[in-house]
Amino acid sequence: MSGHRPEPRVFFGHQSVGQNVLDGVRRLAGRGEPVPVVEDALIGANEQPLLKIEDFDARVRGGLGDRVDVAMMKLCYIDVTARTDVEALFGTYRATLAALERDYPEVTFVHVTVPLTTERGGLSRLRARLTGNDRYGPDENAARERLNALIRDAYAGGHVFDLAAAESTRPDGSRVTGRHGGADYFALHDGYASDLGHLNDAGAEVAAAAWLRAVARAASTAPGGER
């Protein structure tokens, strides 16, 4: 038998920021970067993180778990706000992924941190607060950091695509940080942002490079081979 290992097959469940990441992957591929075989889908609905978790679970169990090597899902910044019960949300996520890992041992599951928003646009944030539709203040990013810290801690030593770290790390290696309620948090670097929460071309490529590294690490531990 040949020792050649086929390109990993990846399922990525996401919404719009995930599409930004995959756009970056395609641009990197166009410049010769090796990329995996990707099957992606828009899962659930924004502002309904539990539905996204349920949809990801259903898709893996609906056949994807029998044909991919790596699988991951991503919540969006608008799924996690200052009103979110972060511990309960993480508990549901962790229980769901533990069951998937038990039932699909040949799939390597990668855990994704929640993307962030910028701290620019004071008028936009004021307008959002006045309309009761604020997703862009320090308290929102602080809630996302609480969830991201739980993900990093729970899966330390495992497989994590730290999207929040990629988004908040400037080209010089420094981080965009703030402090709220006595705790530090991170924010999306303005230079990577096309608006308050989505990625421009530069940000998409930075995130895509981190995504590819995470996939490569996961694929290196996956059983691989034809199914």
Protein backbone atom coordinates (compact mmCIF):
# COMPACT_ATOMS: atom_id res chain seq x y z
CA MET A 1 0.00 0.00 0.00
CA SER A 2 1.13 3.52 -0.68
CA GLY A 3 2.22 5.61 2.27
CA HIS A 4 0.61 8.69 0.75
CA ARG A 5 -1.94 10.26 3.06
CA PRO A 6 -4.93 11.79 1.26
CA GLU A 7 -5.91 15.40 1.88
CA PRO A 8 -8.04 15.62 5.02
CA ARG A 9 -11.77 16.01 4.59
CA VAL A 10 -13.13 18.78 6.78
CA PHE A 11 -16.63 19.82 7.76
CA PHE A 12 -16.98 23.40 8.99
CA GLY A 13 -20.33 24.62 10.30
CA HIS A 14 -20.54 28.41 10.52
CA GLN A 15 -22.28 31.63 9.52
CA SER A 16 -20.89 34.86 8.01
CA VAL A 17 -17.57 35.21 9.85
CA GLY A 18 -16.86 31.59 8.98
CA GLN A 19 -17.45 32.52 5.36
CA ASN A 20 -14.87 35.29 5.76
CA VAL A 21 -12.40 32.65 6.99
CA LEU A 22 -13.11 30.34 4.05
CA ASP A 23 -12.75 33.25 1.62
CA GLY A 24 -9.29 33.74 3.11
CA VAL A 25 -8.55 30.03 2.68
CA ARG A 26 -9.45 30.28 -1.00
CA ARG A 27 -7.15 33.27 -1.48
CA LEU A 28 -4.29 31.42 0.19
CA ALA A 29 -5.00 28.39 -2.00
CA GLY A 30 -4.79 30.64 -5.05
CA ARG A 31 -1.24 31.51 -3.99
CA GLY A 32 -0.25 27.88 -3.72
CA GLU A 33 -1.00 27.08 -0.08
CA PRO A 34 -2.11 23.44 0.38
CA VAL A 35 -5.69 23.26 1.60
CA PRO A 36 -7.94 20.39 2.68
CA VAL A 37 -11.13 19.20 1.06
CA VAL A 38 -13.77 21.37 2.74
CA GLU A 39 -17.49 20.75 3.09
CA ASP A 40 -19.16 23.66 4.83
CA ALA A 41 -22.68 24.72 5.73
CA LEU A 42 -24.51 27.60 7.34
CA ILE A 43 -25.74 26.04 10.55
CA GLY A 44 -28.68 27.06 12.70
CA ALA A 45 -29.55 30.73 12.92
CA ASN A 46 -27.76 33.77 14.28
CA GLU A 47 -28.66 34.77 17.83
CA GLN A 48 -29.67 31.17 18.53
CA PRO A 49 -26.47 29.43 19.65
CA LEU A 50 -28.25 26.36 20.99
CA LEU A 51 -29.86 25.83 17.59
CA LYS A 52 -26.43 26.01 15.97
CA ILE A 53 -25.14 23.32 18.32
CA GLU A 54 -28.17 21.14 17.61
CA ASP A 55 -27.78 21.60 13.85
CA PHE A 56 -24.08 20.72 13.94
CA ASP A 57 -24.85 17.58 15.94
CA ALA A 58 -27.60 16.58 13.51
CA ARG A 59 -25.42 17.10 10.45
CA VAL A 60 -22.56 15.04 11.84
CA ARG A 61 -24.97 12.27 12.83
CA GLY A 62 -26.79 12.58 9.51
CA GLY A 63 -23.86 11.19 7.51
CA LEU A 64 -21.00 13.68 7.72
CA GLY A 65 -19.45 11.78 10.61
CA ASP A 66 -18.95 8.80 8.31
CA ARG A 67 -17.08 10.66 5.61
CA VAL A 68 -14.96 13.43 7.15
CA ASP A 69 -11.72 13.36 9.11
CA VAL A 70 -12.07 16.71 10.90
CA ALA A 71 -15.19 18.57 12.01
CA MET A 72 -15.75 21.90 13.72
CA MET A 73 -18.48 24.43 14.36
CA LYS A 74 -18.28 28.13 15.09
CA LEU A 75 -20.62 30.39 16.99
CA CYS A 76 -20.77 34.05 15.96
CA TYR A 77 -20.19 37.21 17.93
CA ILE A 78 -23.91 37.98 17.88
CA ASP A 79 -24.63 34.65 19.58
CA VAL A 80 -22.85 35.72 22.77
CA THR A 81 -23.78 38.96 24.52
CA ALA A 82 -23.68 40.35 28.03
CA ARG A 83 -27.07 38.67 28.61
CA THR A 84 -25.85 35.20 27.64
CA ASP A 85 -25.63 32.52 30.33
CA VAL A 86 -22.08 31.64 29.28
CA GLU A 87 -21.67 28.68 31.63
CA ALA A 88 -24.94 27.07 30.54
CA LEU A 89 -24.13 27.57 26.86
CA PHE A 90 -20.70 26.05 27.30
CA GLY A 91 -22.19 23.15 29.24
CA THR A 92 -24.50 22.31 26.34
CA TYR A 93 -21.67 22.62 23.84
CA ARG A 94 -19.32 20.46 25.88
CA ALA A 95 -21.90 17.71 26.44
CA THR A 96 -22.84 17.66 22.75
CA LEU A 97 -19.24 17.47 21.57
CA ALA A 98 -18.36 14.80 24.14
CA ALA A 99 -21.16 12.62 22.78
CA LEU A 100 -20.00 13.19 19.21
CA GLU A 101 -16.41 12.36 20.11
CA ARG A 102 -17.62 9.15 21.77
CA ASP A 103 -19.80 8.12 18.83
CA TYR A 104 -17.39 9.15 16.05
CA PRO A 105 -13.90 8.20 17.24
CA GLU A 106 -12.47 8.42 13.72
CA VAL A 107 -13.34 12.13 13.47
CA THR A 108 -11.11 14.72 15.10
CA PHE A 109 -13.24 17.57 16.45
CA VAL A 110 -11.69 21.04 16.57
CA HIS A 111 -13.08 23.55 19.06
CA VAL A 112 -13.44 27.13 17.88
CA THR A 113 -13.38 30.29 19.98
CA VAL A 114 -16.07 32.90 19.41
CA PRO A 115 -15.12 35.82 17.14
CA LEU A 116 -14.99 39.36 18.49
CA THR A 117 -16.06 42.87 17.57
CA THR A 118 -14.02 46.05 17.31
CA GLU A 119 -14.09 48.85 19.83
CA ARG A 120 -14.38 51.57 17.21
CA GLY A 121 -17.56 53.27 16.05
CA GLY A 122 -18.69 55.08 19.18
CA LEU A 123 -21.73 56.56 17.43
CA SER A 124 -22.72 53.14 16.16
CA ARG A 125 -22.45 51.70 19.65
CA LEU A 126 -24.49 54.59 21.11
CA ARG A 127 -27.20 54.09 18.50
CA ALA A 128 -27.25 50.36 19.26
CA ARG A 129 -27.59 50.95 22.99
CA LEU A 130 -30.45 53.41 22.47
CA THR A 131 -32.30 50.88 20.32
CA GLY A 132 -31.58 47.99 22.66
CA ASN A 133 -29.54 46.23 20.00
CA ASP A 134 -26.00 46.56 21.35
CA ARG A 135 -23.57 43.81 20.44
CA TYR A 136 -20.45 45.90 20.24
CA GLY A 137 -19.57 47.21 23.70
CA PRO A 138 -16.89 46.09 26.17
CA ASP A 139 -19.43 44.03 28.12
CA GLU A 140 -20.19 42.01 24.97
CA ASN A 141 -16.55 41.20 24.23
CA ALA A 142 -16.05 40.45 27.93
CA ALA A 143 -18.82 37.82 27.73
CA ARG A 144 -17.21 36.32 24.64
CA GLU A 145 -13.89 36.14 26.47
CA ARG A 146 -15.52 34.27 29.36
CA LEU A 147 -16.79 31.65 26.92
CA ASN A 148 -13.50 31.54 25.03
CA ALA A 149 -11.58 31.03 28.27
CA LEU A 150 -13.79 28.05 29.07
CA ILE A 151 -13.10 26.60 25.61
CA ARG A 152 -9.34 27.12 25.90
CA ASP A 153 -9.20 25.64 29.39
CA ALA A 154 -11.41 22.63 28.64
CA TYR A 155 -9.56 21.67 25.47
CA ALA A 156 -6.03 22.71 26.39
CA GLY A 157 -3.67 20.17 24.87
CA GLY A 158 -6.35 19.19 22.38
CA HIS A 159 -7.51 20.76 19.14
CA VAL A 160 -8.53 24.42 19.21
CA PHE A 161 -8.87 26.97 16.42
CA ASP A 162 -8.44 30.15 18.42
CA LEU A 163 -10.21 32.53 16.08
CA ALA A 164 -10.51 35.19 18.78
CA ALA A 165 -6.74 35.18 19.29
CA ALA A 166 -6.13 35.56 15.55
CA GLU A 167 -8.60 38.43 15.31
CA SER A 168 -7.19 40.32 18.29
CA THR A 169 -3.47 39.95 17.49
CA ARG A 170 -2.03 42.87 15.54
CA PRO A 171 0.63 42.27 12.85
CA ASP A 172 3.31 43.31 15.37
CA GLY A 173 2.20 40.54 17.75
CA SER A 174 0.53 42.77 20.35
CA ARG A 175 -3.08 42.14 21.39
CA VAL A 176 -6.10 44.45 21.32
CA THR A 177 -7.23 44.30 24.93
CA GLY A 178 -9.60 46.01 27.34
CA ARG A 179 -10.84 45.61 30.87
CA HIS A 180 -14.44 45.36 32.02
CA GLY A 181 -15.89 44.35 35.34
CA GLY A 182 -12.45 43.68 36.74
CA ALA A 183 -11.52 41.21 34.00
CA ASP A 184 -9.44 41.51 30.85
CA TYR A 185 -10.91 40.81 27.44
CA PHE A 186 -9.86 40.98 23.77
CA ALA A 187 -11.31 42.81 20.77
CA LEU A 188 -11.11 42.59 16.98
CA HIS A 189 -8.18 44.55 15.57
CA ASP A 190 -9.46 47.49 13.49
CA GLY A 191 -7.01 46.67 10.71
CA TYR A 192 -8.68 43.28 10.19
CA ALA A 193 -12.27 44.57 10.22
CA SER A 194 -14.61 45.38 7.33
CA ASP A 195 -17.23 46.56 9.83
CA LEU A 196 -17.70 46.13 13.57
CA GLY A 197 -17.62 42.35 13.43
CA HIS A 198 -16.66 40.98 10.00
CA LEU A 199 -13.24 40.51 8.44
CA ASN A 200 -11.65 42.40 5.56
CA ASP A 201 -9.22 40.67 3.20
CA ALA A 202 -6.26 41.07 5.55
CA GLY A 203 -8.19 39.79 8.54
CA ALA A 204 -9.65 36.90 6.57
CA GLU A 205 -6.19 35.75 5.51
CA VAL A 206 -4.81 35.97 9.05
CA ALA A 207 -7.75 33.93 10.33
CA ALA A 208 -7.47 31.50 7.41
CA ALA A 209 -3.80 30.84 8.14
CA ALA A 210 -4.69 30.01 11.76
CA TRP A 211 -7.57 27.81 10.56
CA LEU A 212 -5.27 25.88 8.23
CA ARG A 213 -2.75 25.33 11.02
CA ALA A 214 -5.49 24.01 13.30
CA VAL A 215 -6.79 21.69 10.58
CA ALA A 216 -3.28 20.40 9.82
CA ARG A 217 -2.70 19.59 13.49
CA ALA A 218 -6.06 17.83 13.71
CA ALA A 219 -5.48 15.89 10.50
CA SER A 220 -2.12 14.68 11.76
CA THR A 221 -3.90 12.79 14.56
CA ALA A 222 -6.93 11.63 12.56
CA PRO A 223 -6.99 7.97 11.42
CA GLY A 224 -7.40 9.12 7.78
CA GLY A 225 -7.68 6.73 4.87
CA GLU A 226 -10.63 5.84 2.66
CA ARG A 227 -14.03 5.16 4.19
